Amino acid sequence: MWDFLGEALNDPVSALLVSAERSLAAEFPPQAQARTVLAAIGSGERTFTNISRAAGGIGATPLQRALELLTDKRIVAAELPVSLRPSKDRRYRVTDPYLRFWLHLLGPSMEEVERGRGDLTLARVRES
C-alpha cells in the first residue's frame, strides 16, 4: 500500500489524485457553494455552525441548500447523534471513504504534489 501511495503521489496525474477532482468538477462547478461546503466537511467539520465557519462564513440559507444538495446526491450523510436528550443538531460526514480521504489529505496537498513534493504528502498520510 505504501509503495502504491508513494508512486501515486509522485505523479500529479495519477488516478488516485485525479479521479476525485474530476468527479467533483463534473458534479459541482468551482463557483458552487456545495463544493465549498463539501470541502469543509471533508476537512473534519461536522456541525452546521462549524461547517458554516469553515466555508467562509456562508449564510444559513445557502448552507442549508448546499447540505440538502449534498445529502440528496448521497455524497454527505446527515446523522442525528445518539443521546438521552432529543436533538435536532445533525452531524454531517462524507459517505465515500475514498472521497473523504481525498478531501482530508490529498486535495489540500495537490500544489505540493504538482511541485514534486509528494513525499511530504505521503509523510502526512502516514501520520494520519
N, C-alpha and C. Protein backbone atom coordinates (compact mmCIF):
# COMPACT_ATOMS: atom_id res chain seq x y z
N MET A 1 0.82 -1.18 0.00
CA MET A 1 0.00 0.00 0.00
C MET A 1 0.87 1.26 0.00
N TRP A 2 1.91 1.26 0.83
CA TRP A 2 2.77 2.45 0.92
C TRP A 2 3.54 2.67 -0.37
N ASP A 3 3.93 1.57 -1.03
CA ASP A 3 4.62 1.71 -2.32
C ASP A 3 3.69 2.34 -3.34
N PHE A 4 2.44 1.86 -3.38
CA PHE A 4 1.46 2.42 -4.31
C PHE A 4 1.24 3.90 -4.03
N LEU A 5 1.05 4.26 -2.77
CA LEU A 5 0.85 5.67 -2.42
C LEU A 5 2.05 6.52 -2.80
N GLY A 6 3.24 6.01 -2.55
CA GLY A 6 4.44 6.74 -2.91
C GLY A 6 4.52 7.01 -4.40
N GLU A 7 4.20 5.99 -5.21
CA GLU A 7 4.22 6.17 -6.66
C GLU A 7 3.13 7.14 -7.11
N ALA A 8 1.91 6.98 -6.57
CA ALA A 8 0.79 7.83 -6.97
C ALA A 8 1.03 9.28 -6.59
N LEU A 9 1.64 9.51 -5.45
CA LEU A 9 1.87 10.88 -5.00
C LEU A 9 3.05 11.55 -5.69
N ASN A 10 3.81 10.77 -6.43
CA ASN A 10 4.90 11.35 -7.23
C ASN A 10 4.46 11.65 -8.66
N ASP A 11 3.21 11.33 -8.98
CA ASP A 11 2.66 11.58 -10.31
C ASP A 11 1.39 12.42 -10.17
N PRO A 12 1.45 13.71 -10.48
CA PRO A 12 0.30 14.59 -10.27
C PRO A 12 -0.92 14.23 -11.12
N VAL A 13 -0.76 13.36 -12.11
CA VAL A 13 -1.92 12.95 -12.92
C VAL A 13 -2.29 11.49 -12.67
N SER A 14 -1.86 10.94 -11.53
CA SER A 14 -2.23 9.57 -11.20
C SER A 14 -3.73 9.48 -10.93
N ALA A 15 -4.29 8.32 -11.17
CA ALA A 15 -5.73 8.11 -10.97
C ALA A 15 -6.14 8.40 -9.53
N LEU A 16 -5.30 8.09 -8.58
CA LEU A 16 -5.61 8.33 -7.18
C LEU A 16 -5.86 9.82 -6.92
N LEU A 17 -5.09 10.67 -7.55
CA LEU A 17 -5.22 12.11 -7.33
C LEU A 17 -6.27 12.75 -8.22
N VAL A 18 -6.42 12.29 -9.43
CA VAL A 18 -7.25 12.97 -10.42
C VAL A 18 -8.72 12.55 -10.36
N SER A 19 -9.01 11.32 -9.97
CA SER A 19 -10.39 10.81 -10.00
C SER A 19 -11.36 11.66 -9.19
N ALA A 20 -11.02 11.97 -7.97
CA ALA A 20 -11.92 12.76 -7.12
C ALA A 20 -12.07 14.17 -7.67
N GLU A 21 -10.98 14.74 -8.12
CA GLU A 21 -11.02 16.11 -8.64
C GLU A 21 -11.93 16.19 -9.87
N ARG A 22 -11.84 15.22 -10.73
CA ARG A 22 -12.70 15.20 -11.93
C ARG A 22 -14.16 14.96 -11.56
N SER A 23 -14.40 14.07 -10.63
CA SER A 23 -15.78 13.82 -10.19
C SER A 23 -16.41 15.07 -9.59
N LEU A 24 -15.66 15.75 -8.73
CA LEU A 24 -16.18 16.97 -8.11
C LEU A 24 -16.39 18.07 -9.14
N ALA A 25 -15.48 18.19 -10.09
CA ALA A 25 -15.62 19.22 -11.13
C ALA A 25 -16.84 18.96 -12.00
N ALA A 26 -17.14 17.67 -12.25
CA ALA A 26 -18.30 17.34 -13.07
C ALA A 26 -19.61 17.59 -12.32
N GLU A 27 -19.62 17.30 -11.04
CA GLU A 27 -20.84 17.45 -10.24
C GLU A 27 -21.07 18.87 -9.75
N PHE A 28 -19.98 19.54 -9.36
CA PHE A 28 -20.09 20.86 -8.75
C PHE A 28 -19.05 21.79 -9.37
N PRO A 29 -19.49 22.78 -10.12
CA PRO A 29 -18.52 23.73 -10.67
C PRO A 29 -17.81 24.47 -9.53
N PRO A 30 -16.63 25.02 -9.80
CA PRO A 30 -15.85 25.68 -8.73
C PRO A 30 -16.62 26.78 -8.00
N GLN A 31 -17.53 27.48 -8.67
CA GLN A 31 -18.26 28.54 -8.01
C GLN A 31 -19.44 28.02 -7.17
N ALA A 32 -19.73 26.74 -7.23
CA ALA A 32 -20.86 26.18 -6.47
C ALA A 32 -20.53 26.15 -4.98
N GLN A 33 -21.46 26.60 -4.17
CA GLN A 33 -21.24 26.59 -2.72
C GLN A 33 -21.21 25.17 -2.17
N ALA A 34 -21.86 24.25 -2.85
CA ALA A 34 -21.86 22.87 -2.38
C ALA A 34 -20.45 22.31 -2.33
N ARG A 35 -19.62 22.69 -3.28
CA ARG A 35 -18.23 22.20 -3.29
C ARG A 35 -17.45 22.77 -2.11
N THR A 36 -17.68 24.03 -1.79
CA THR A 36 -17.02 24.66 -0.65
C THR A 36 -17.47 24.00 0.65
N VAL A 37 -18.77 23.72 0.74
CA VAL A 37 -19.32 23.06 1.92
C VAL A 37 -18.76 21.64 2.04
N LEU A 38 -18.67 20.93 0.92
CA LEU A 38 -18.11 19.58 0.93
C LEU A 38 -16.66 19.60 1.40
N ALA A 39 -15.90 20.59 0.96
CA ALA A 39 -14.50 20.71 1.40
C ALA A 39 -14.43 20.95 2.91
N ALA A 40 -15.36 21.74 3.44
CA ALA A 40 -15.38 22.00 4.89
C ALA A 40 -15.69 20.72 5.66
N ILE A 41 -16.64 19.95 5.16
CA ILE A 41 -16.97 18.68 5.83
C ILE A 41 -15.80 17.71 5.70
N GLY A 42 -15.19 17.67 4.52
CA GLY A 42 -14.04 16.79 4.30
C GLY A 42 -12.85 17.15 5.16
N SER A 43 -12.74 18.41 5.55
CA SER A 43 -11.62 18.82 6.40
C SER A 43 -11.86 18.43 7.87
N GLY A 44 -13.05 17.92 8.17
CA GLY A 44 -13.31 17.44 9.53
C GLY A 44 -14.42 18.14 10.28
N GLU A 45 -14.99 19.18 9.70
CA GLU A 45 -16.09 19.88 10.38
C GLU A 45 -17.36 19.05 10.24
N ARG A 46 -18.12 18.94 11.31
CA ARG A 46 -19.30 18.07 11.28
C ARG A 46 -20.60 18.77 11.64
N THR A 47 -20.54 19.89 12.35
CA THR A 47 -21.75 20.58 12.78
C THR A 47 -22.07 21.74 11.84
N PHE A 48 -23.33 22.14 11.81
CA PHE A 48 -23.80 23.20 10.94
C PHE A 48 -22.98 24.48 11.14
N THR A 49 -22.80 24.88 12.38
CA THR A 49 -22.08 26.13 12.68
C THR A 49 -20.62 26.04 12.26
N ASN A 50 -19.97 24.94 12.56
CA ASN A 50 -18.56 24.80 12.19
C ASN A 50 -18.36 24.70 10.68
N ILE A 51 -19.29 24.04 10.01
CA ILE A 51 -19.22 23.96 8.55
C ILE A 51 -19.36 25.36 7.95
N SER A 52 -20.31 26.13 8.48
CA SER A 52 -20.52 27.50 8.02
C SER A 52 -19.24 28.32 8.18
N ARG A 53 -18.63 28.22 9.32
CA ARG A 53 -17.40 28.97 9.61
C ARG A 53 -16.27 28.54 8.67
N ALA A 54 -16.09 27.22 8.50
CA ALA A 54 -15.01 26.71 7.66
C ALA A 54 -15.24 27.02 6.18
N ALA A 55 -16.50 27.21 5.79
CA ALA A 55 -16.83 27.53 4.40
C ALA A 55 -16.78 29.02 4.14
N GLY A 56 -16.18 29.77 5.03
CA GLY A 56 -16.00 31.20 4.82
C GLY A 56 -17.15 32.05 5.32
N GLY A 57 -17.88 31.56 6.31
CA GLY A 57 -18.97 32.34 6.89
C GLY A 57 -20.22 32.35 6.03
N ILE A 58 -20.44 31.29 5.30
CA ILE A 58 -21.62 31.17 4.44
C ILE A 58 -22.90 31.29 5.28
N GLY A 59 -23.90 31.94 4.75
CA GLY A 59 -25.15 32.15 5.47
C GLY A 59 -25.93 30.86 5.69
N ALA A 60 -26.87 30.90 6.61
CA ALA A 60 -27.64 29.70 6.99
C ALA A 60 -28.45 29.14 5.81
N THR A 61 -29.12 30.00 5.07
CA THR A 61 -29.97 29.50 3.97
C THR A 61 -29.14 28.89 2.85
N PRO A 62 -28.09 29.56 2.35
CA PRO A 62 -27.27 28.92 1.31
C PRO A 62 -26.60 27.63 1.82
N LEU A 63 -26.21 27.63 3.08
CA LEU A 63 -25.59 26.42 3.64
C LEU A 63 -26.60 25.28 3.69
N GLN A 64 -27.81 25.58 4.10
CA GLN A 64 -28.86 24.56 4.17
C GLN A 64 -29.13 23.98 2.77
N ARG A 65 -29.19 24.86 1.77
CA ARG A 65 -29.41 24.40 0.39
C ARG A 65 -28.27 23.50 -0.08
N ALA A 66 -27.05 23.92 0.21
CA ALA A 66 -25.88 23.12 -0.19
C ALA A 66 -25.89 21.76 0.51
N LEU A 67 -26.22 21.75 1.79
CA LEU A 67 -26.26 20.48 2.53
C LEU A 67 -27.37 19.57 1.99
N GLU A 68 -28.51 20.15 1.63
CA GLU A 68 -29.59 19.35 1.05
C GLU A 68 -29.17 18.74 -0.28
N LEU A 69 -28.49 19.53 -1.11
CA LEU A 69 -28.00 19.03 -2.39
C LEU A 69 -27.02 17.87 -2.17
N LEU A 70 -26.09 18.05 -1.25
CA LEU A 70 -25.09 17.02 -0.98
C LEU A 70 -25.72 15.75 -0.39
N THR A 71 -26.71 15.90 0.47
CA THR A 71 -27.37 14.72 1.04
C THR A 71 -28.29 14.06 0.01
N ASP A 72 -28.94 14.84 -0.84
CA ASP A 72 -29.78 14.26 -1.89
C ASP A 72 -28.95 13.43 -2.86
N LYS A 73 -27.74 13.87 -3.14
CA LYS A 73 -26.85 13.13 -4.03
C LYS A 73 -26.11 12.01 -3.30
N ARG A 74 -26.35 11.90 -2.00
CA ARG A 74 -25.75 10.88 -1.13
C ARG A 74 -24.23 10.96 -1.06
N ILE A 75 -23.71 12.17 -1.21
CA ILE A 75 -22.28 12.39 -1.04
C ILE A 75 -21.99 12.63 0.44
N VAL A 76 -22.96 13.24 1.11
CA VAL A 76 -22.86 13.54 2.53
C VAL A 76 -24.03 12.89 3.26
N ALA A 77 -23.76 12.34 4.43
CA ALA A 77 -24.81 11.79 5.29
C ALA A 77 -25.06 12.76 6.43
N ALA A 78 -26.33 12.96 6.74
CA ALA A 78 -26.72 13.82 7.87
C ALA A 78 -27.30 12.90 8.94
N GLU A 79 -26.61 12.83 10.06
CA GLU A 79 -26.99 11.88 11.11
C GLU A 79 -27.28 12.60 12.42
N LEU A 80 -28.25 12.08 13.12
CA LEU A 80 -28.56 12.61 14.45
C LEU A 80 -27.72 11.86 15.47
N PRO A 81 -27.12 12.56 16.41
CA PRO A 81 -26.31 11.87 17.42
C PRO A 81 -27.19 11.07 18.36
N VAL A 82 -26.66 9.97 18.83
CA VAL A 82 -27.37 9.15 19.81
C VAL A 82 -27.22 9.85 21.16
N SER A 83 -28.35 10.12 21.80
CA SER A 83 -28.31 10.87 23.04
C SER A 83 -29.55 10.57 23.86
N LEU A 84 -29.46 10.80 25.16
CA LEU A 84 -30.64 10.65 26.01
C LEU A 84 -31.61 11.80 25.80
N ARG A 85 -31.06 12.95 25.41
CA ARG A 85 -31.91 14.11 25.12
C ARG A 85 -32.11 14.21 23.62
N PRO A 86 -33.34 14.36 23.16
CA PRO A 86 -33.58 14.51 21.72
C PRO A 86 -32.86 15.76 21.19
N SER A 87 -32.33 15.65 19.99
CA SER A 87 -31.58 16.75 19.40
C SER A 87 -31.94 16.87 17.93
N LYS A 88 -31.93 18.09 17.43
CA LYS A 88 -32.14 18.32 16.01
C LYS A 88 -30.80 18.65 15.33
N ASP A 89 -29.74 18.74 16.12
CA ASP A 89 -28.43 19.08 15.58
C ASP A 89 -27.82 17.88 14.88
N ARG A 90 -27.81 17.93 13.59
CA ARG A 90 -27.27 16.83 12.80
C ARG A 90 -25.75 16.93 12.72
N ARG A 91 -25.13 15.79 12.48
CA ARG A 91 -23.70 15.71 12.24
C ARG A 91 -23.55 15.25 10.79
N TYR A 92 -22.67 15.90 10.07
CA TYR A 92 -22.50 15.61 8.65
C TYR A 92 -21.17 14.92 8.43
N ARG A 93 -21.16 13.98 7.49
CA ARG A 93 -19.92 13.29 7.14
C ARG A 93 -19.96 12.90 5.67
N VAL A 94 -18.80 12.84 5.06
CA VAL A 94 -18.68 12.39 3.67
C VAL A 94 -18.85 10.88 3.68
N THR A 95 -19.74 10.37 2.83
CA THR A 95 -20.07 8.94 2.87
C THR A 95 -19.02 8.05 2.20
N ASP A 96 -18.41 8.51 1.13
CA ASP A 96 -17.46 7.70 0.38
C ASP A 96 -16.08 7.75 1.02
N PRO A 97 -15.51 6.61 1.39
CA PRO A 97 -14.20 6.61 2.06
C PRO A 97 -13.08 7.22 1.20
N TYR A 98 -13.08 6.92 -0.10
CA TYR A 98 -12.04 7.49 -0.96
C TYR A 98 -12.17 9.01 -1.02
N LEU A 99 -13.37 9.52 -1.21
CA LEU A 99 -13.58 10.96 -1.29
C LEU A 99 -13.23 11.63 0.04
N ARG A 100 -13.58 10.98 1.15
CA ARG A 100 -13.23 11.51 2.47
C ARG A 100 -11.71 11.60 2.62
N PHE A 101 -11.01 10.55 2.21
CA PHE A 101 -9.54 10.52 2.24
C PHE A 101 -8.97 11.62 1.35
N TRP A 102 -9.52 11.75 0.15
CA TRP A 102 -9.02 12.76 -0.79
C TRP A 102 -9.25 14.17 -0.27
N LEU A 103 -10.45 14.44 0.24
CA LEU A 103 -10.77 15.78 0.73
C LEU A 103 -9.92 16.17 1.94
N HIS A 104 -9.63 15.19 2.77
CA HIS A 104 -8.90 15.48 4.01
C HIS A 104 -7.39 15.58 3.79
N LEU A 105 -6.83 14.68 2.98
CA LEU A 105 -5.38 14.59 2.87
C LEU A 105 -4.80 14.92 1.50
N LEU A 106 -5.47 14.50 0.44
CA LEU A 106 -4.87 14.65 -0.88
C LEU A 106 -5.22 15.98 -1.55
N GLY A 107 -6.48 16.34 -1.56
CA GLY A 107 -6.91 17.58 -2.21
C GLY A 107 -6.16 18.81 -1.74
N PRO A 108 -6.04 19.00 -0.42
CA PRO A 108 -5.30 20.16 0.07
C PRO A 108 -3.80 20.13 -0.28
N SER A 109 -3.30 18.98 -0.68
CA SER A 109 -1.86 18.84 -0.97
C SER A 109 -1.54 18.81 -2.46
N MET A 110 -2.51 19.09 -3.30
CA MET A 110 -2.29 18.98 -4.74
C MET A 110 -1.15 19.88 -5.23
N GLU A 111 -1.08 21.11 -4.73
CA GLU A 111 0.00 22.01 -5.16
C GLU A 111 1.37 21.44 -4.79
N GLU A 112 1.43 20.85 -3.63
CA GLU A 112 2.67 20.23 -3.16
C GLU A 112 3.08 19.09 -4.10
N VAL A 113 2.11 18.25 -4.46
CA VAL A 113 2.37 17.11 -5.35
C VAL A 113 2.80 17.62 -6.72
N GLU A 114 2.14 18.66 -7.21
CA GLU A 114 2.48 19.22 -8.52
C GLU A 114 3.89 19.82 -8.53
N ARG A 115 4.39 20.25 -7.38
CA ARG A 115 5.75 20.78 -7.28
C ARG A 115 6.79 19.67 -7.10
N GLY A 116 6.32 18.41 -7.12
CA GLY A 116 7.24 17.29 -6.96
C GLY A 116 7.55 16.92 -5.53
N ARG A 117 6.71 17.38 -4.59
CA ARG A 117 6.93 17.10 -3.17
C ARG A 117 5.85 16.17 -2.61
N GLY A 118 5.54 15.13 -3.36
CA GLY A 118 4.60 14.13 -2.89
C GLY A 118 5.08 13.41 -1.64
N ASP A 119 6.39 13.44 -1.41
CA ASP A 119 6.95 12.83 -0.21
C ASP A 119 6.41 13.48 1.06
N LEU A 120 6.18 14.80 1.00
CA LEU A 120 5.62 15.49 2.17
C LEU A 120 4.18 15.07 2.42
N THR A 121 3.43 14.90 1.34
CA THR A 121 2.05 14.44 1.46
C THR A 121 2.02 13.01 2.00
N LEU A 122 2.90 12.17 1.49
CA LEU A 122 2.98 10.78 1.97
C LEU A 122 3.29 10.74 3.45
N ALA A 123 4.17 11.60 3.93
CA ALA A 123 4.50 11.66 5.35
C ALA A 123 3.28 12.04 6.17
N ARG A 124 2.47 12.99 5.67
CA ARG A 124 1.24 13.38 6.38
C ARG A 124 0.23 12.24 6.40
N VAL A 125 0.14 11.50 5.32
CA VAL A 125 -0.77 10.35 5.27
C VAL A 125 -0.32 9.31 6.28
N ARG A 126 0.95 9.05 6.37
CA ARG A 126 1.48 8.08 7.35
C ARG A 126 1.16 8.52 8.78
N GLU A 127 1.29 9.81 9.06
CA GLU A 127 1.00 10.32 10.40
C GLU A 127 -0.48 10.19 10.76
N SER A 128 -1.33 10.30 9.74
CA SER A 128 -2.77 10.24 9.99
C SER A 128 -3.24 8.82 10.17
